[in-house]
Amino acid sequence: QALLESWQDLVAASLDEALISGEIASRLDAKQLAALFWSGWEGAVMRAKLYSSTQPVYDFWDFFKHSVRP
């Protein structure tokens, strides 16, 4: 848990900078976005392994980047 939380904090810091600069937009704060990112990413990785395909990872990334467009 500590390792995941440290990764999540790093992602949150990057997302916070992007929110402040206007590169991304969201009604959620950076910590919430980071938690959602990691939950979705880990789910996509699990599905990629299950289906022996990288497509779930690409699908998640496409969804996430479009969900934070300004």
C-alpha atoms as a PDB file:
ATOM      1  CA  GLN A   1       0.000   0.000   0.000  1.00  0.00           C
ATOM      2  CA  ALA A   2       2.804   2.392   0.849  1.00  0.00           C
ATOM      3  CA  LEU A   3       4.421   1.881  -2.558  1.00  0.00           C
ATOM      4  CA  LEU A   4       1.158   2.457  -4.427  1.00  0.00           C
ATOM      5  CA  GLU A   5       0.464   5.556  -2.331  1.00  0.00           C
ATOM      6  CA  SER A   6       3.917   6.955  -3.119  1.00  0.00           C
ATOM      7  CA  TRP A   7       3.325   6.418  -6.855  1.00  0.00           C
ATOM      8  CA  GLN A   8      -0.103   7.976  -6.491  1.00  0.00           C
ATOM      9  CA  ASP A   9       1.418  11.019  -4.768  1.00  0.00           C
ATOM     10  CA  LEU A  10       3.877  11.458  -7.652  1.00  0.00           C
ATOM     11  CA  VAL A  11       1.086  11.274 -10.215  1.00  0.00           C
ATOM     12  CA  ALA A  12      -1.018  13.681  -8.136  1.00  0.00           C
ATOM     13  CA  ALA A  13       1.848  16.202  -8.070  1.00  0.00           C
ATOM     14  CA  SER A  14       2.135  16.050 -11.862  1.00  0.00           C
ATOM     15  CA  LEU A  15      -1.619  16.302 -12.323  1.00  0.00           C
ATOM     16  CA  ASP A  16      -1.752  19.265  -9.932  1.00  0.00           C
ATOM     17  CA  GLU A  17       0.809  21.111 -12.049  1.00  0.00           C
ATOM     18  CA  ALA A  18      -1.181  20.312 -15.190  1.00  0.00           C
ATOM     19  CA  LEU A  19      -4.417  21.522 -13.576  1.00  0.00           C
ATOM     20  CA  ILE A  20      -2.815  24.766 -12.416  1.00  0.00           C
ATOM     21  CA  SER A  21      -1.270  25.454 -15.830  1.00  0.00           C
ATOM     22  CA  GLY A  22      -4.528  24.686 -17.636  1.00  0.00           C
ATOM     23  CA  GLU A  23      -3.067  21.769 -19.600  1.00  0.00           C
ATOM     24  CA  ILE A  24      -5.863  19.587 -18.235  1.00  0.00           C
ATOM     25  CA  ALA A  25      -9.240  20.336 -16.679  1.00  0.00           C
ATOM     26  CA  SER A  26     -11.351  18.437 -14.188  1.00  0.00           C
ATOM     27  CA  ARG A  27     -13.914  18.989 -11.468  1.00  0.00           C
ATOM     28  CA  LEU A  28     -11.866  16.540  -9.413  1.00  0.00           C
ATOM     29  CA  ASP A  29      -8.736  17.537  -7.565  1.00  0.00           C
ATOM     30  CA  ALA A  30      -5.316  16.072  -8.354  1.00  0.00           C
ATOM     31  CA  LYS A  31      -5.452  13.472  -5.552  1.00  0.00           C
ATOM     32  CA  GLN A  32      -8.812  12.178  -6.760  1.00  0.00           C
ATOM     33  CA  LEU A  33      -7.603  12.065 -10.353  1.00  0.00           C
ATOM     34  CA  ALA A  34      -4.455  10.197  -9.335  1.00  0.00           C
ATOM     35  CA  ALA A  35      -6.465   7.602  -7.397  1.00  0.00           C
ATOM     36  CA  LEU A  36      -8.779   7.104 -10.384  1.00  0.00           C
ATOM     37  CA  PHE A  37      -5.808   6.883 -12.722  1.00  0.00           C
ATOM     38  CA  TRP A  38      -4.150   4.122 -10.704  1.00  0.00           C
ATOM     39  CA  SER A  39      -7.359   2.161 -10.245  1.00  0.00           C
ATOM     40  CA  GLY A  40      -8.058   2.305 -13.966  1.00  0.00           C
ATOM     41  CA  TRP A  41      -4.463   1.599 -14.934  1.00  0.00           C
ATOM     42  CA  GLU A  42      -4.214  -1.466 -12.706  1.00  0.00           C
ATOM     43  CA  GLY A  43      -7.526  -2.732 -14.059  1.00  0.00           C
ATOM     44  CA  ALA A  44      -6.301  -2.234 -17.621  1.00  0.00           C
ATOM     45  CA  VAL A  45      -3.072  -4.090 -16.860  1.00  0.00           C
ATOM     46  CA  MET A  46      -5.040  -6.968 -15.337  1.00  0.00           C
ATOM     47  CA  ARG A  47      -7.271  -7.173 -18.423  1.00  0.00           C
ATOM     48  CA  ALA A  48      -4.233  -6.962 -20.717  1.00  0.00           C
ATOM     49  CA  LYS A  49      -2.760 -10.002 -18.973  1.00  0.00           C
ATOM     50  CA  LEU A  50      -6.071 -11.858 -19.019  1.00  0.00           C
ATOM     51  CA  TYR A  51      -6.584 -11.288 -22.753  1.00  0.00           C
ATOM     52  CA  SER A  52      -2.875 -11.388 -23.698  1.00  0.00           C
ATOM     53  CA  SER A  53      -3.353  -8.031 -25.400  1.00  0.00           C
ATOM     54  CA  THR A  54      -2.126  -4.494 -24.869  1.00  0.00           C
ATOM     55  CA  GLN A  55      -5.427  -3.083 -26.145  1.00  0.00           C
ATOM     56  CA  PRO A  56      -6.972  -2.592 -22.665  1.00  0.00           C
ATOM     57  CA  VAL A  57      -4.022  -0.378 -21.683  1.00  0.00           C
ATOM     58  CA  TYR A  58      -4.412   1.723 -24.828  1.00  0.00           C
ATOM     59  CA  ASP A  59      -8.172   1.931 -24.303  1.00  0.00           C
ATOM     60  CA  PHE A  60      -7.751   3.136 -20.726  1.00  0.00           C
ATOM     61  CA  TRP A  61      -5.111   5.704 -21.644  1.00  0.00           C
ATOM     62  CA  ASP A  62      -7.310   7.048 -24.463  1.00  0.00           C
ATOM     63  CA  PHE A  63     -10.248   7.346 -22.069  1.00  0.00           C
ATOM     64  CA  PHE A  64      -8.223   9.022 -19.319  1.00  0.00           C
ATOM     65  CA  LYS A  65      -6.519  11.602 -21.525  1.00  0.00           C
ATOM     66  CA  HIS A  66      -9.830  12.549 -23.145  1.00  0.00           C
ATOM     67  CA  SER A  67     -11.571  12.814 -19.780  1.00  0.00           C
ATOM     68  CA  VAL A  68      -9.180  15.570 -18.613  1.00  0.00           C
ATOM     69  CA  ARG A  69      -9.067  17.649 -21.780  1.00  0.00           C
ATOM     70  CA  PRO A  70      -9.494  21.366 -21.108  1.00  0.00           C
END
